[in-house]
PDB file of N, CA and C in Angstrom:
ATOM      1  N   UNK A   1     113.305 -21.002   1.084  1.00  0.00           N
ATOM      2  CA  UNK A   1     113.371 -21.808  -0.110  1.00  0.00           C
ATOM      3  C   UNK A   1     112.269 -22.873  -0.077  1.00  0.00           C
ATOM      4  N   UNK A   2     111.911 -23.315  -1.244  1.00  0.00           N
ATOM      5  CA  UNK A   2     110.884 -24.359  -1.337  1.00  0.00           C
ATOM      6  C   UNK A   2     111.410 -25.532  -2.150  1.00  0.00           C
ATOM      7  N   UNK A   3     110.735 -26.655  -1.972  1.00  0.00           N
ATOM      8  CA  UNK A   3     110.972 -27.834  -2.808  1.00  0.00           C
ATOM      9  C   UNK A   3     109.645 -28.204  -3.446  1.00  0.00           C
ATOM     10  N   UNK A   4     109.730 -28.854  -4.601  1.00  0.00           N
ATOM     11  CA  UNK A   4     108.518 -29.291  -5.307  1.00  0.00           C
ATOM     12  C   UNK A   4     108.375 -30.787  -5.134  1.00  0.00           C
ATOM     13  N   UNK A   5     107.213 -31.185  -4.675  1.00  0.00           N
ATOM     14  CA  UNK A   5     106.905 -32.593  -4.461  1.00  0.00           C
ATOM     15  C   UNK A   5     105.822 -33.026  -5.433  1.00  0.00           C
ATOM     16  N   UNK A   6     105.770 -34.314  -5.692  1.00  0.00           N
ATOM     17  CA  UNK A   6     104.658 -34.896  -6.437  1.00  0.00           C
ATOM     18  C   UNK A   6     103.773 -35.583  -5.414  1.00  0.00           C
ATOM     19  N   UNK A   7     102.486 -35.424  -5.559  1.00  0.00           N
ATOM     20  CA  UNK A   7     101.526 -35.991  -4.624  1.00  0.00           C
ATOM     21  C   UNK A   7     100.498 -36.783  -5.410  1.00  0.00           C
ATOM     22  N   UNK A   8     100.297 -38.053  -5.047  1.00  0.00           N
ATOM     23  CA  UNK A   8      99.312 -38.902  -5.722  1.00  0.00           C
ATOM     24  C   UNK A   8      98.343 -39.457  -4.688  1.00  0.00           C
ATOM     25  N   UNK A   9      97.055 -39.282  -4.944  1.00  0.00           N
ATOM     26  CA  UNK A   9      95.988 -39.765  -4.066  1.00  0.00           C
ATOM     27  C   UNK A   9      95.198 -40.830  -4.809  1.00  0.00           C
ATOM     28  N   UNK A  10      94.832 -41.891  -4.122  1.00  0.00           N
ATOM     29  CA  UNK A  10      94.115 -42.994  -4.762  1.00  0.00           C
ATOM     30  C   UNK A  10      92.800 -43.294  -4.044  1.00  0.00           C
ATOM     31  N   UNK A  11      91.885 -43.919  -4.783  1.00  0.00           N
ATOM     32  CA  UNK A  11      90.636 -44.425  -4.226  1.00  0.00           C
ATOM     33  C   UNK A  11      89.800 -43.360  -3.547  1.00  0.00           C
ATOM     34  N   UNK A  12      89.298 -43.712  -2.366  1.00  0.00           N
ATOM     35  CA  UNK A  12      88.416 -42.817  -1.623  1.00  0.00           C
ATOM     36  C   UNK A  12      89.111 -41.512  -1.251  1.00  0.00           C
ATOM     37  N   UNK A  13      90.425 -41.549  -1.058  1.00  0.00           N
ATOM     38  CA  UNK A  13      91.148 -40.309  -0.746  1.00  0.00           C
ATOM     39  C   UNK A  13      91.049 -39.331  -1.908  1.00  0.00           C
ATOM     40  N   UNK A  14      91.207 -39.824  -3.111  1.00  0.00           N
ATOM     41  CA  UNK A  14      91.091 -38.958  -4.293  1.00  0.00           C
ATOM     42  C   UNK A  14      89.676 -38.406  -4.399  1.00  0.00           C
ATOM     43  N   UNK A  15      88.692 -39.268  -4.154  1.00  0.00           N
ATOM     44  CA  UNK A  15      87.296 -38.830  -4.249  1.00  0.00           C
ATOM     45  C   UNK A  15      86.998 -37.731  -3.230  1.00  0.00           C
ATOM     46  N   UNK A  16      87.539 -37.879  -2.046  1.00  0.00           N
ATOM     47  CA  UNK A  16      87.248 -36.948  -0.948  1.00  0.00           C
ATOM     48  C   UNK A  16      88.108 -35.691  -0.988  1.00  0.00           C
ATOM     49  N   UNK A  17      89.374 -35.824  -1.398  1.00  0.00           N
ATOM     50  CA  UNK A  17      90.316 -34.711  -1.255  1.00  0.00           C
ATOM     51  C   UNK A  17      90.650 -34.000  -2.556  1.00  0.00           C
ATOM     52  N   UNK A  18      90.218 -34.554  -3.687  1.00  0.00           N
ATOM     53  CA  UNK A  18      90.491 -33.842  -4.926  1.00  0.00           C
ATOM     54  C   UNK A  18      91.335 -34.638  -5.892  1.00  0.00           C
ATOM     55  N   UNK A  19      92.083 -33.929  -6.681  1.00  0.00           N
ATOM     56  CA  UNK A  19      92.756 -34.498  -7.848  1.00  0.00           C
ATOM     57  C   UNK A  19      93.632 -35.710  -7.540  1.00  0.00           C
ATOM     58  N   UNK A  20      93.779 -36.539  -8.560  1.00  0.00           N
ATOM     59  CA  UNK A  20      94.573 -37.758  -8.483  1.00  0.00           C
ATOM     60  C   UNK A  20      96.050 -37.444  -8.225  1.00  0.00           C
ATOM     61  N   UNK A  21      96.589 -36.495  -8.937  1.00  0.00           N
ATOM     62  CA  UNK A  21      98.009 -36.183  -8.795  1.00  0.00           C
ATOM     63  C   UNK A  21      98.222 -34.680  -8.806  1.00  0.00           C
ATOM     64  N   UNK A  22      99.097 -34.236  -7.940  1.00  0.00           N
ATOM     65  CA  UNK A  22      99.520 -32.843  -7.903  1.00  0.00           C
ATOM     66  C   UNK A  22     101.008 -32.858  -8.218  1.00  0.00           C
ATOM     67  N   UNK A  23     101.386 -32.529  -9.462  1.00  0.00           N
ATOM     68  CA  UNK A  23     102.775 -32.712  -9.865  1.00  0.00           C
ATOM     69  C   UNK A  23     103.754 -31.702  -9.277  1.00  0.00           C
ATOM     70  N   UNK A  24     103.298 -30.558  -8.845  1.00  0.00           N
ATOM     71  CA  UNK A  24     104.221 -29.530  -8.378  1.00  0.00           C
ATOM     72  C   UNK A  24     103.786 -28.894  -7.074  1.00  0.00           C
ATOM     73  N   UNK A  25     103.561 -29.714  -6.062  1.00  0.00           N
ATOM     74  CA  UNK A  25     103.142 -29.201  -4.755  1.00  0.00           C
ATOM     75  C   UNK A  25     104.358 -28.587  -4.089  1.00  0.00           C
ATOM     76  N   UNK A  26     104.338 -27.291  -3.850  1.00  0.00           N
ATOM     77  CA  UNK A  26     105.484 -26.600  -3.271  1.00  0.00           C
ATOM     78  C   UNK A  26     105.346 -26.517  -1.755  1.00  0.00           C
ATOM     79  N   UNK A  27     106.417 -26.930  -1.074  1.00  0.00           N
ATOM     80  CA  UNK A  27     106.472 -26.873   0.386  1.00  0.00           C
ATOM     81  C   UNK A  27     107.825 -26.303   0.777  1.00  0.00           C
ATOM     82  N   UNK A  28     107.940 -25.892   2.031  1.00  0.00           N
ATOM     83  CA  UNK A  28     109.190 -25.307   2.493  1.00  0.00           C
ATOM     84  C   UNK A  28     110.285 -26.372   2.610  1.00  0.00           C
ATOM     85  N   UNK A  29     111.492 -25.971   2.282  1.00  0.00           N
ATOM     86  CA  UNK A  29     112.643 -26.868   2.361  1.00  0.00           C
ATOM     87  C   UNK A  29     112.842 -27.320   3.800  1.00  0.00           C
ATOM     88  N   UNK A  30     113.214 -28.585   3.989  1.00  0.00           N
ATOM     89  CA  UNK A  30     113.434 -29.134   5.319  1.00  0.00           C
ATOM     90  C   UNK A  30     112.187 -29.738   5.941  1.00  0.00           C
ATOM     91  N   UNK A  31     111.056 -29.658   5.232  1.00  0.00           N
ATOM     92  CA  UNK A  31     109.815 -30.223   5.762  1.00  0.00           C
ATOM     93  C   UNK A  31     109.923 -31.742   5.823  1.00  0.00           C
ATOM     94  N   UNK A  32     109.401 -32.318   6.881  1.00  0.00           N
ATOM     95  CA  UNK A  32     109.389 -33.773   7.015  1.00  0.00           C
ATOM     96  C   UNK A  32     108.082 -34.322   6.449  1.00  0.00           C
ATOM     97  N   UNK A  33     108.042 -35.620   6.270  1.00  0.00           N
ATOM     98  CA  UNK A  33     106.828 -36.268   5.796  1.00  0.00           C
ATOM     99  C   UNK A  33     105.663 -35.958   6.721  1.00  0.00           C
ATOM    100  N   UNK A  34     105.890 -36.063   8.016  1.00  0.00           N
ATOM    101  CA  UNK A  34     104.833 -35.765   8.993  1.00  0.00           C
ATOM    102  C   UNK A  34     104.310 -34.344   8.813  1.00  0.00           C
ATOM    103  N   UNK A  35     105.220 -33.389   8.625  1.00  0.00           N
ATOM    104  CA  UNK A  35     104.822 -31.996   8.408  1.00  0.00           C
ATOM    105  C   UNK A  35     104.046 -31.823   7.117  1.00  0.00           C
ATOM    106  N   UNK A  36     104.459 -32.529   6.071  1.00  0.00           N
ATOM    107  CA  UNK A  36     103.756 -32.439   4.790  1.00  0.00           C
ATOM    108  C   UNK A  36     102.336 -32.986   4.913  1.00  0.00           C
ATOM    109  N   UNK A  37     102.182 -34.087   5.643  1.00  0.00           N
ATOM    110  CA  UNK A  37     100.840 -34.658   5.820  1.00  0.00           C
ATOM    111  C   UNK A  37      99.953 -33.725   6.631  1.00  0.00           C
ATOM    112  N   UNK A  38     100.516 -33.077   7.649  1.00  0.00           N
ATOM    113  CA  UNK A  38      99.736 -32.091   8.414  1.00  0.00           C
ATOM    114  C   UNK A  38      99.307 -30.935   7.518  1.00  0.00           C
ATOM    115  N   UNK A  39     100.231 -30.476   6.684  1.00  0.00           N
ATOM    116  CA  UNK A  39      99.901 -29.370   5.773  1.00  0.00           C
ATOM    117  C   UNK A  39      98.815 -29.795   4.786  1.00  0.00           C
ATOM    118  N   UNK A  40      98.939 -30.997   4.239  1.00  0.00           N
ATOM    119  CA  UNK A  40      97.928 -31.502   3.316  1.00  0.00           C
ATOM    120  C   UNK A  40      96.556 -31.538   3.985  1.00  0.00           C
ATOM    121  N   UNK A  41      96.503 -32.012   5.215  1.00  0.00           N
ATOM    122  CA  UNK A  41      95.222 -32.056   5.941  1.00  0.00           C
ATOM    123  C   UNK A  41      94.675 -30.661   6.174  1.00  0.00           C
ATOM    124  N   UNK A  42      95.534 -29.690   6.436  1.00  0.00           N
ATOM    125  CA  UNK A  42      95.044 -28.321   6.640  1.00  0.00           C
ATOM    126  C   UNK A  42      94.510 -27.726   5.340  1.00  0.00           C
ATOM    127  N   UNK A  43      95.056 -28.174   4.206  1.00  0.00           N
ATOM    128  CA  UNK A  43      94.613 -27.652   2.906  1.00  0.00           C
ATOM    129  C   UNK A  43      93.387 -28.383   2.357  1.00  0.00           C
ATOM    130  N   UNK A  44      93.291 -29.702   2.599  1.00  0.00           N
ATOM    131  CA  UNK A  44      92.251 -30.506   1.942  1.00  0.00           C
ATOM    132  C   UNK A  44      91.363 -31.298   2.877  1.00  0.00           C
ATOM    133  N   UNK A  45      91.625 -31.270   4.167  1.00  0.00           N
ATOM    134  CA  UNK A  45      90.801 -32.012   5.105  1.00  0.00           C
ATOM    135  C   UNK A  45      91.520 -33.250   5.626  1.00  0.00           C
ATOM    136  N   UNK A  46      90.957 -33.874   6.650  1.00  0.00           N
ATOM    137  CA  UNK A  46      91.625 -35.010   7.300  1.00  0.00           C
ATOM    138  C   UNK A  46      91.788 -36.220   6.388  1.00  0.00           C
ATOM    139  N   UNK A  47      92.925 -36.888   6.552  1.00  0.00           N
ATOM    140  CA  UNK A  47      93.194 -38.101   5.793  1.00  0.00           C
ATOM    141  C   UNK A  47      92.404 -39.279   6.330  1.00  0.00           C
ATOM    142  N   UNK A  48      92.192 -39.329   7.626  1.00  0.00           N
ATOM    143  CA  UNK A  48      91.512 -40.458   8.239  1.00  0.00           C
ATOM    144  C   UNK A  48      92.521 -41.487   8.740  1.00  0.00           C
ATOM    145  N   UNK A  49      92.010 -42.529   9.333  1.00  0.00           N
ATOM    146  CA  UNK A  49      92.848 -43.580   9.922  1.00  0.00           C
ATOM    147  C   UNK A  49      93.256 -44.614   8.878  1.00  0.00           C
ATOM    148  N   UNK A  50      94.407 -45.210   9.081  1.00  0.00           N
ATOM    149  CA  UNK A  50      94.822 -46.351   8.282  1.00  0.00           C
ATOM    150  C   UNK A  50      95.335 -46.057   6.888  1.00  0.00           C
ATOM    151  N   UNK A  51      95.647 -44.807   6.598  1.00  0.00           N
ATOM    152  CA  UNK A  51      96.153 -44.447   5.277  1.00  0.00           C
ATOM    153  C   UNK A  51      97.596 -44.936   5.144  1.00  0.00           C
ATOM    154  N   UNK A  52      97.904 -45.611   4.050  1.00  0.00           N
ATOM    155  CA  UNK A  52      99.269 -46.060   3.774  1.00  0.00           C
ATOM    156  C   UNK A  52      99.997 -44.964   3.007  1.00  0.00           C
ATOM    157  N   UNK A  53     101.260 -44.758   3.367  1.00  0.00           N
ATOM    158  CA  UNK A  53     102.053 -43.690   2.761  1.00  0.00           C
ATOM    159  C   UNK A  53     103.317 -44.287   2.145  1.00  0.00           C
ATOM    160  N   UNK A  54     103.575 -43.900   0.913  1.00  0.00           N
ATOM    161  CA  UNK A  54     104.817 -44.292   0.249  1.00  0.00           C
ATOM    162  C   UNK A  54     105.534 -43.025  -0.204  1.00  0.00           C
ATOM    163  N   UNK A  55     106.854 -43.058  -0.101  1.00  0.00           N
ATOM    164  CA  UNK A  55     107.681 -41.974  -0.632  1.00  0.00           C
ATOM    165  C   UNK A  55     108.620 -42.601  -1.652  1.00  0.00           C
ATOM    166  N   UNK A  56     108.523 -42.127  -2.872  1.00  0.00           N
ATOM    167  CA  UNK A  56     109.344 -42.647  -3.976  1.00  0.00           C
ATOM    168  C   UNK A  56     109.203 -44.158  -4.121  1.00  0.00           C
ATOM    169  N   UNK A  57     107.978 -44.644  -3.915  1.00  0.00           N
ATOM    170  CA  UNK A  57     107.692 -46.060  -4.129  1.00  0.00           C
ATOM    171  C   UNK A  57     107.977 -46.965  -2.943  1.00  0.00           C
ATOM    172  N   UNK A  58     108.444 -46.424  -1.834  1.00  0.00           N
ATOM    173  CA  UNK A  58     108.732 -47.230  -0.651  1.00  0.00           C
ATOM    174  C   UNK A  58     107.752 -46.888   0.456  1.00  0.00           C
ATOM    175  N   UNK A  59     107.111 -47.908   1.016  1.00  0.00           N
ATOM    176  CA  UNK A  59     106.168 -47.697   2.104  1.00  0.00           C
ATOM    177  C   UNK A  59     106.926 -47.140   3.313  1.00  0.00           C
ATOM    178  N   UNK A  60     106.381 -46.110   3.920  1.00  0.00           N
ATOM    179  CA  UNK A  60     107.032 -45.416   5.023  1.00  0.00           C
ATOM    180  C   UNK A  60     106.141 -45.484   6.257  1.00  0.00           C
ATOM    181  N   UNK A  61     106.726 -45.772   7.392  1.00  0.00           N
ATOM    182  CA  UNK A  61     105.986 -45.734   8.650  1.00  0.00           C
ATOM    183  C   UNK A  61     106.497 -44.633   9.565  1.00  0.00           C
ATOM    184  N   UNK A  62     107.722 -44.252   9.400  1.00  0.00           N
ATOM    185  CA  UNK A  62     108.306 -43.227  10.256  1.00  0.00           C
ATOM    186  C   UNK A  62     108.231 -41.863   9.620  1.00  0.00           C
ATOM    187  N   UNK A  63     109.209 -41.058   9.932  1.00  0.00           N
ATOM    188  CA  UNK A  63     109.253 -39.703   9.419  1.00  0.00           C
ATOM    189  C   UNK A  63     110.601 -39.498   8.750  1.00  0.00           C
ATOM    190  N   UNK A  64     110.610 -38.713   7.718  1.00  0.00           N
ATOM    191  CA  UNK A  64     111.863 -38.413   7.031  1.00  0.00           C
ATOM    192  C   UNK A  64     111.748 -37.053   6.388  1.00  0.00           C
ATOM    193  N   UNK A  65     112.890 -36.433   6.143  1.00  0.00           N
ATOM    194  CA  UNK A  65     112.910 -35.159   5.445  1.00  0.00           C
ATOM    195  C   UNK A  65     112.593 -35.402   3.977  1.00  0.00           C
ATOM    196  N   UNK A  66     111.875 -34.478   3.389  1.00  0.00           N
ATOM    197  CA  UNK A  66     111.513 -34.578   1.975  1.00  0.00           C
ATOM    198  C   UNK A  66     112.426 -33.687   1.143  1.00  0.00           C
ATOM    199  N   UNK A  67     112.704 -34.129  -0.085  1.00  0.00           N
ATOM    200  CA  UNK A  67     113.599 -33.402  -0.968  1.00  0.00           C
ATOM    201  C   UNK A  67     112.920 -33.127  -2.299  1.00  0.00           C
ATOM    202  N   UNK A  68     113.455 -32.155  -3.017  1.00  0.00           N
ATOM    203  CA  UNK A  68     112.899 -31.751  -4.296  1.00  0.00           C
ATOM    204  C   UNK A  68     112.716 -32.971  -5.211  1.00  0.00           C
ATOM    205  N   UNK A  69     111.513 -33.102  -5.771  1.00  0.00           N
ATOM    206  CA  UNK A  69     111.211 -34.190  -6.692  1.00  0.00           C
ATOM    207  C   UNK A  69     110.664 -35.444  -6.044  1.00  0.00           C
ATOM    208  N   UNK A  70     110.655 -35.521  -4.705  1.00  0.00           N
ATOM    209  CA  UNK A  70     110.084 -36.695  -4.038  1.00  0.00           C
ATOM    210  C   UNK A  70     108.616 -36.845  -4.398  1.00  0.00           C
ATOM    211  N   UNK A  71     108.156 -38.090  -4.471  1.00  0.00           N
ATOM    212  CA  UNK A  71     106.755 -38.376  -4.746  1.00  0.00           C
ATOM    213  C   UNK A  71     106.128 -39.038  -3.529  1.00  0.00           C
ATOM    214  N   UNK A  72     105.054 -38.435  -3.036  1.00  0.00           N
ATOM    215  CA  UNK A  72     104.295 -38.974  -1.904  1.00  0.00           C
ATOM    216  C   UNK A  72     103.037 -39.623  -2.476  1.00  0.00           C
ATOM    217  N   UNK A  73     102.825 -40.884  -2.158  1.00  0.00           N
ATOM    218  CA  UNK A  73     101.637 -41.599  -2.596  1.00  0.00           C
ATOM    219  C   UNK A  73     100.829 -41.964  -1.369  1.00  0.00           C
ATOM    220  N   UNK A  74      99.538 -41.659  -1.401  1.00  0.00           N
ATOM    221  CA  UNK A  74      98.630 -41.956  -0.288  1.00  0.00           C
ATOM    222  C   UNK A  74      97.575 -42.952  -0.758  1.00  0.00           C
ATOM    223  N   UNK A  75      97.484 -44.053  -0.030  1.00  0.00           N
ATOM    224  CA  UNK A  75      96.537 -45.115  -0.359  1.00  0.00           C
ATOM    225  C   UNK A  75      95.553 -45.294   0.781  1.00  0.00           C
ATOM    226  N   UNK A  76      94.249 -45.352   0.478  1.00  0.00           N
ATOM    227  CA  UNK A  76      93.262 -45.540   1.544  1.00  0.00           C
ATOM    228  C   UNK A  76      93.375 -46.925   2.148  1.00  0.00           C
ATOM    229  N   UNK A  77      92.814 -47.108   3.344  1.00  0.00           N
ATOM    230  CA  UNK A  77      92.816 -48.428   3.956  1.00  0.00           C
ATOM    231  C   UNK A  77      92.083 -49.442   3.056  1.00  0.00           C
ATOM    232  N   UNK A  78      92.559 -50.649   3.060  1.00  0.00           N
ATOM    233  CA  UNK A  78      91.937 -51.717   2.286  1.00  0.00           C
ATOM    234  C   UNK A  78      91.063 -52.533   3.218  1.00  0.00           C
ATOM    235  N   UNK A  79      89.842 -52.794   2.795  1.00  0.00           N
ATOM    236  CA  UNK A  79      88.961 -53.621   3.603  1.00  0.00           C
ATOM    237  C   UNK A  79      88.473 -54.793   2.762  1.00  0.00           C
ATOM    238  N   UNK A  80      87.936 -55.746   3.402  1.00  0.00           N
ATOM    239  CA  UNK A  80      87.432 -56.923   2.694  1.00  0.00           C
ATOM    240  C   UNK A  80      87.808 -58.177   3.445  1.00  0.00           C
ATOM    241  N   UNK A  81      87.530 -59.253   2.852  1.00  0.00           N
ATOM    242  CA  UNK A  81      87.903 -60.443   3.569  1.00  0.00           C
ATOM    243  C   UNK A  81      87.510 -61.705   2.869  1.00  0.00           C
TER     244      UNK A  81
END
């Protein structure tokens, strides 16, 4: 079985990896966030260091199982000062 996820890429990640949003990214049921990020890298190339990850609007640092309709947002590192 599969679940459909929404994927949103911003800034340099969008420029490097492709489209801003993928509304129906299909992955296998039971996949964790870590597994989804590995799959994304295998499909589109490395994310790089310091990428911030949010699931359904909440910043995530650990790993969690993903469910149908979840939205993964990837934000590039912020620099400046």
